[in-house]
N, C-alpha and C. Protein backbone atom coordinates (compact mmCIF):
# COMPACT_ATOMS: atom_id res chain seq x y z
N MET A 1 107.60 -119.18 239.57
CA MET A 1 106.38 -119.19 240.32
C MET A 1 105.49 -118.00 239.95
N ILE A 2 106.07 -116.81 239.81
CA ILE A 2 105.24 -115.67 239.44
C ILE A 2 104.73 -115.80 238.01
N ALA A 3 105.51 -116.42 237.15
CA ALA A 3 105.04 -116.64 235.78
C ALA A 3 103.87 -117.63 235.78
N ALA A 4 103.95 -118.66 236.61
CA ALA A 4 102.86 -119.64 236.67
C ALA A 4 101.59 -119.00 237.21
N VAL A 5 101.71 -118.18 238.25
CA VAL A 5 100.53 -117.50 238.81
C VAL A 5 99.94 -116.56 237.76
N THR A 6 100.80 -115.87 237.03
CA THR A 6 100.32 -114.96 235.99
C THR A 6 99.56 -115.72 234.91
N LEU A 7 100.13 -116.81 234.43
CA LEU A 7 99.48 -117.57 233.37
C LEU A 7 98.19 -118.25 233.83
N LEU A 8 98.15 -118.68 235.08
CA LEU A 8 96.98 -119.40 235.57
C LEU A 8 95.85 -118.50 236.06
N LEU A 9 96.17 -117.29 236.54
CA LEU A 9 95.13 -116.48 237.17
C LEU A 9 94.78 -115.17 236.48
N ALA A 10 95.67 -114.59 235.71
CA ALA A 10 95.41 -113.25 235.16
C ALA A 10 94.22 -113.25 234.20
N PHE A 11 94.22 -114.12 233.22
CA PHE A 11 93.11 -114.15 232.26
C PHE A 11 91.79 -114.50 232.93
N PRO A 12 91.72 -115.55 233.78
CA PRO A 12 90.44 -115.84 234.45
C PRO A 12 89.94 -114.70 235.34
N CYS A 13 90.85 -113.97 235.97
CA CYS A 13 90.41 -112.82 236.78
C CYS A 13 89.69 -111.80 235.90
N GLY A 14 90.25 -111.50 234.76
CA GLY A 14 89.62 -110.55 233.86
C GLY A 14 88.33 -111.09 233.26
N TYR A 15 88.30 -112.38 233.03
CA TYR A 15 87.13 -113.00 232.39
C TYR A 15 85.93 -113.08 233.33
N PHE A 16 86.16 -113.43 234.57
CA PHE A 16 85.05 -113.70 235.48
C PHE A 16 84.61 -112.50 236.33
N PHE A 17 85.50 -111.56 236.59
CA PHE A 17 85.11 -110.40 237.40
C PHE A 17 84.48 -109.34 236.50
N ARG A 18 83.38 -108.78 236.94
CA ARG A 18 82.74 -107.71 236.17
C ARG A 18 83.49 -106.39 236.34
N SER A 19 84.00 -106.15 237.52
CA SER A 19 84.69 -104.90 237.82
C SER A 19 86.16 -104.99 237.39
N HIS A 20 86.58 -103.98 236.65
CA HIS A 20 87.98 -103.92 236.22
C HIS A 20 88.90 -103.78 237.43
N LEU A 21 88.49 -102.98 238.40
CA LEU A 21 89.29 -102.79 239.61
C LEU A 21 89.40 -104.09 240.40
N ALA A 22 88.30 -104.81 240.53
CA ALA A 22 88.33 -106.08 241.27
C ALA A 22 89.22 -107.10 240.57
N ALA A 23 89.17 -107.16 239.25
CA ALA A 23 89.99 -108.11 238.49
C ALA A 23 91.48 -107.79 238.66
N ASN A 24 91.83 -106.52 238.51
CA ASN A 24 93.23 -106.13 238.66
C ASN A 24 93.72 -106.32 240.09
N THR A 25 92.87 -106.02 241.06
CA THR A 25 93.26 -106.19 242.46
C THR A 25 93.46 -107.66 242.81
N ALA A 26 92.56 -108.52 242.35
CA ALA A 26 92.69 -109.95 242.62
C ALA A 26 93.97 -110.50 242.00
N TYR A 27 94.26 -110.10 240.76
CA TYR A 27 95.50 -110.56 240.13
C TYR A 27 96.72 -110.03 240.88
N ALA A 28 96.70 -108.74 241.24
CA ALA A 28 97.85 -108.14 241.92
C ALA A 28 98.10 -108.81 243.27
N ILE A 29 97.05 -109.14 244.00
CA ILE A 29 97.23 -109.80 245.29
C ILE A 29 97.85 -111.19 245.10
N ALA A 30 97.34 -111.94 244.12
CA ALA A 30 97.89 -113.28 243.86
C ALA A 30 99.35 -113.18 243.40
N TYR A 31 99.64 -112.22 242.52
CA TYR A 31 101.01 -112.05 242.03
C TYR A 31 101.95 -111.67 243.17
N LEU A 32 101.53 -110.72 243.98
CA LEU A 32 102.41 -110.25 245.05
C LEU A 32 102.64 -111.32 246.10
N TRP A 33 101.64 -112.15 246.37
CA TRP A 33 101.85 -113.28 247.28
C TRP A 33 102.91 -114.22 246.69
N ALA A 34 102.76 -114.54 245.40
CA ALA A 34 103.72 -115.44 244.76
C ALA A 34 105.11 -114.80 244.70
N PHE A 35 105.17 -113.48 244.49
CA PHE A 35 106.45 -112.79 244.43
C PHE A 35 107.19 -112.88 245.76
N VAL A 36 106.47 -112.66 246.85
CA VAL A 36 107.08 -112.75 248.17
C VAL A 36 107.53 -114.19 248.44
N PHE A 37 106.69 -115.16 248.13
CA PHE A 37 107.03 -116.56 248.34
C PHE A 37 108.25 -116.94 247.50
N GLN A 38 108.27 -116.51 246.24
CA GLN A 38 109.41 -116.81 245.37
C GLN A 38 110.68 -116.13 245.87
N GLY A 39 110.56 -114.89 246.30
CA GLY A 39 111.72 -114.18 246.84
C GLY A 39 112.29 -114.87 248.06
N LEU A 40 111.42 -115.34 248.94
CA LEU A 40 111.86 -116.09 250.12
C LEU A 40 112.57 -117.38 249.72
N TYR A 41 111.99 -118.09 248.77
CA TYR A 41 112.57 -119.35 248.29
C TYR A 41 113.95 -119.12 247.67
N LEU A 42 114.05 -118.08 246.82
CA LEU A 42 115.33 -117.80 246.16
C LEU A 42 116.37 -117.28 247.15
N THR A 43 115.94 -116.52 248.14
CA THR A 43 116.88 -116.02 249.15
C THR A 43 117.43 -117.18 249.98
N ARG A 44 116.56 -118.10 250.35
CA ARG A 44 117.04 -119.28 251.10
C ARG A 44 118.05 -120.07 250.28
N SER A 45 117.78 -120.23 248.98
CA SER A 45 118.73 -120.94 248.11
C SER A 45 120.05 -120.17 248.02
N TRP A 46 119.96 -118.85 247.92
CA TRP A 46 121.16 -118.02 247.80
C TRP A 46 122.01 -118.12 249.06
N VAL A 47 121.37 -118.10 250.22
CA VAL A 47 122.10 -118.24 251.48
C VAL A 47 122.79 -119.60 251.55
N GLY A 48 122.16 -120.61 250.95
CA GLY A 48 122.73 -121.94 250.92
C GLY A 48 123.85 -122.11 249.91
N GLY A 49 124.12 -121.09 249.10
CA GLY A 49 125.24 -121.16 248.16
C GLY A 49 124.85 -121.15 246.70
N ASP A 50 123.56 -121.20 246.37
CA ASP A 50 123.13 -121.18 244.97
C ASP A 50 123.08 -119.73 244.49
N ASP A 51 123.88 -119.40 243.48
CA ASP A 51 123.90 -118.02 242.98
C ASP A 51 123.31 -117.92 241.58
N SER A 52 122.39 -118.81 241.21
CA SER A 52 121.80 -118.77 239.88
C SER A 52 120.78 -117.65 239.74
N ALA A 53 120.12 -117.24 240.82
CA ALA A 53 119.12 -116.17 240.74
C ALA A 53 119.71 -114.82 241.11
N PHE A 54 120.60 -114.79 242.08
CA PHE A 54 121.18 -113.54 242.56
C PHE A 54 122.70 -113.62 242.44
N PRO A 55 123.37 -112.47 242.27
CA PRO A 55 124.84 -112.48 242.21
C PRO A 55 125.46 -112.88 243.55
N LYS A 56 126.69 -113.39 243.49
CA LYS A 56 127.39 -113.79 244.72
C LYS A 56 127.68 -112.60 245.62
N ASP A 57 127.97 -111.46 245.02
CA ASP A 57 128.31 -110.26 245.80
C ASP A 57 127.02 -109.64 246.36
N PRO A 58 126.85 -109.60 247.68
CA PRO A 58 125.62 -109.05 248.26
C PRO A 58 125.45 -107.54 248.03
N ASP A 59 126.52 -106.86 247.62
CA ASP A 59 126.42 -105.43 247.34
C ASP A 59 125.91 -105.15 245.92
N THR A 60 125.83 -106.17 245.09
CA THR A 60 125.35 -106.02 243.72
C THR A 60 123.84 -106.16 243.69
N LEU A 61 123.18 -105.19 243.08
CA LEU A 61 121.73 -105.20 242.98
C LEU A 61 121.31 -106.08 241.80
N PRO A 62 120.44 -107.07 242.00
CA PRO A 62 120.01 -107.95 240.90
C PRO A 62 118.96 -107.27 240.02
N VAL A 63 119.41 -106.35 239.19
CA VAL A 63 118.52 -105.56 238.35
C VAL A 63 117.76 -106.44 237.36
N SER A 64 118.41 -107.44 236.81
CA SER A 64 117.74 -108.29 235.82
C SER A 64 116.56 -109.02 236.44
N TYR A 65 116.68 -109.45 237.68
CA TYR A 65 115.57 -110.11 238.38
C TYR A 65 114.39 -109.16 238.52
N GLY A 66 114.67 -107.93 238.87
CA GLY A 66 113.61 -106.93 239.00
C GLY A 66 112.94 -106.61 237.69
N ILE A 67 113.72 -106.51 236.62
CA ILE A 67 113.15 -106.20 235.31
C ILE A 67 112.26 -107.34 234.82
N VAL A 68 112.73 -108.58 234.95
CA VAL A 68 111.94 -109.73 234.54
C VAL A 68 110.65 -109.81 235.35
N SER A 69 110.73 -109.57 236.64
CA SER A 69 109.53 -109.60 237.49
C SER A 69 108.54 -108.51 237.09
N LEU A 70 109.05 -107.33 236.76
CA LEU A 70 108.19 -106.23 236.34
C LEU A 70 107.52 -106.52 235.00
N VAL A 71 108.26 -107.12 234.08
CA VAL A 71 107.68 -107.47 232.78
C VAL A 71 106.58 -108.52 232.96
N ILE A 72 106.81 -109.51 233.79
CA ILE A 72 105.79 -110.53 234.05
C ILE A 72 104.55 -109.89 234.68
N PHE A 73 104.75 -108.96 235.60
CA PHE A 73 103.63 -108.25 236.23
C PHE A 73 102.82 -107.49 235.17
N GLY A 74 103.50 -106.81 234.27
CA GLY A 74 102.82 -106.07 233.20
C GLY A 74 102.08 -106.97 232.23
N VAL A 75 102.69 -108.09 231.88
CA VAL A 75 102.02 -109.07 231.01
C VAL A 75 100.74 -109.57 231.67
N GLY A 76 100.80 -109.76 232.97
CA GLY A 76 99.61 -110.19 233.71
C GLY A 76 98.47 -109.19 233.59
N PHE A 77 98.77 -107.91 233.70
CA PHE A 77 97.72 -106.90 233.56
C PHE A 77 97.18 -106.89 232.13
N GLY A 78 98.04 -107.17 231.16
CA GLY A 78 97.56 -107.31 229.79
C GLY A 78 96.62 -108.49 229.64
N LEU A 79 96.94 -109.60 230.29
CA LEU A 79 96.06 -110.77 230.25
C LEU A 79 94.74 -110.50 230.97
N VAL A 80 94.78 -109.73 232.04
CA VAL A 80 93.53 -109.35 232.72
C VAL A 80 92.66 -108.53 231.76
N ALA A 81 93.27 -107.58 231.06
CA ALA A 81 92.52 -106.75 230.11
C ALA A 81 91.95 -107.61 228.97
N LEU A 82 92.74 -108.56 228.49
CA LEU A 82 92.25 -109.46 227.44
C LEU A 82 91.09 -110.31 227.96
N GLY A 83 91.21 -110.81 229.16
CA GLY A 83 90.13 -111.58 229.77
C GLY A 83 88.87 -110.76 229.93
N ARG A 84 89.03 -109.49 230.30
CA ARG A 84 87.86 -108.61 230.43
C ARG A 84 87.19 -108.40 229.08
N ARG A 85 87.98 -108.24 228.04
CA ARG A 85 87.41 -108.02 226.71
C ARG A 85 86.64 -109.26 226.24
N VAL A 86 87.22 -110.43 226.43
CA VAL A 86 86.55 -111.68 226.03
C VAL A 86 85.32 -111.92 226.90
N GLY A 87 85.44 -111.68 228.20
CA GLY A 87 84.32 -111.86 229.11
C GLY A 87 83.18 -110.90 228.82
N ALA A 88 83.49 -109.66 228.46
CA ALA A 88 82.46 -108.68 228.13
C ALA A 88 81.71 -109.10 226.88
N GLY A 89 82.43 -109.65 225.91
CA GLY A 89 81.76 -110.16 224.70
C GLY A 89 80.81 -111.29 225.02
N ARG A 90 81.21 -112.17 225.92
CA ARG A 90 80.35 -113.28 226.32
C ARG A 90 79.12 -112.76 227.05
N ARG A 91 79.33 -111.82 227.95
CA ARG A 91 78.19 -111.26 228.70
C ARG A 91 77.23 -110.52 227.78
N ASN A 92 77.75 -109.79 226.80
CA ASN A 92 76.90 -109.06 225.87
C ASN A 92 76.08 -110.02 224.99
N ARG A 93 76.68 -111.12 224.57
CA ARG A 93 75.94 -112.11 223.78
C ARG A 93 74.81 -112.73 224.59
N GLN A 94 75.06 -112.96 225.88
CA GLN A 94 74.02 -113.54 226.73
C GLN A 94 72.87 -112.57 226.90
N LEU A 95 73.14 -111.28 226.96
CA LEU A 95 72.08 -110.28 227.09
C LEU A 95 71.23 -110.21 225.82
N VAL A 96 71.87 -110.34 224.66
CA VAL A 96 71.15 -110.29 223.39
C VAL A 96 70.30 -111.53 223.21
N ASP A 97 70.80 -112.69 223.62
CA ASP A 97 70.06 -113.95 223.48
C ASP A 97 68.87 -114.02 224.43
N ALA A 98 68.91 -113.31 225.53
CA ALA A 98 67.84 -113.41 226.53
C ALA A 98 66.60 -112.66 226.15
């Protein structure tokens, strides 16, 4: 779910928002909402007996889940920056044509 939100929203946020802060904030809010929703979904599955996302032992910290989530978050900020660069080029061309 967080990967889907990242792929669907990060680049458009950078492309359409003029402010770098607004683009990053919009992406971060969408990502964090999806992260909480995904965490709730995976926790419910884990309580039901599915241990594919988290280890069976509740004392074991799922470090790999945290690392993958952090990498996806970082990739999203990279896509926001790429969207800003492409969007700035489009805006600059429109100013020259006008």
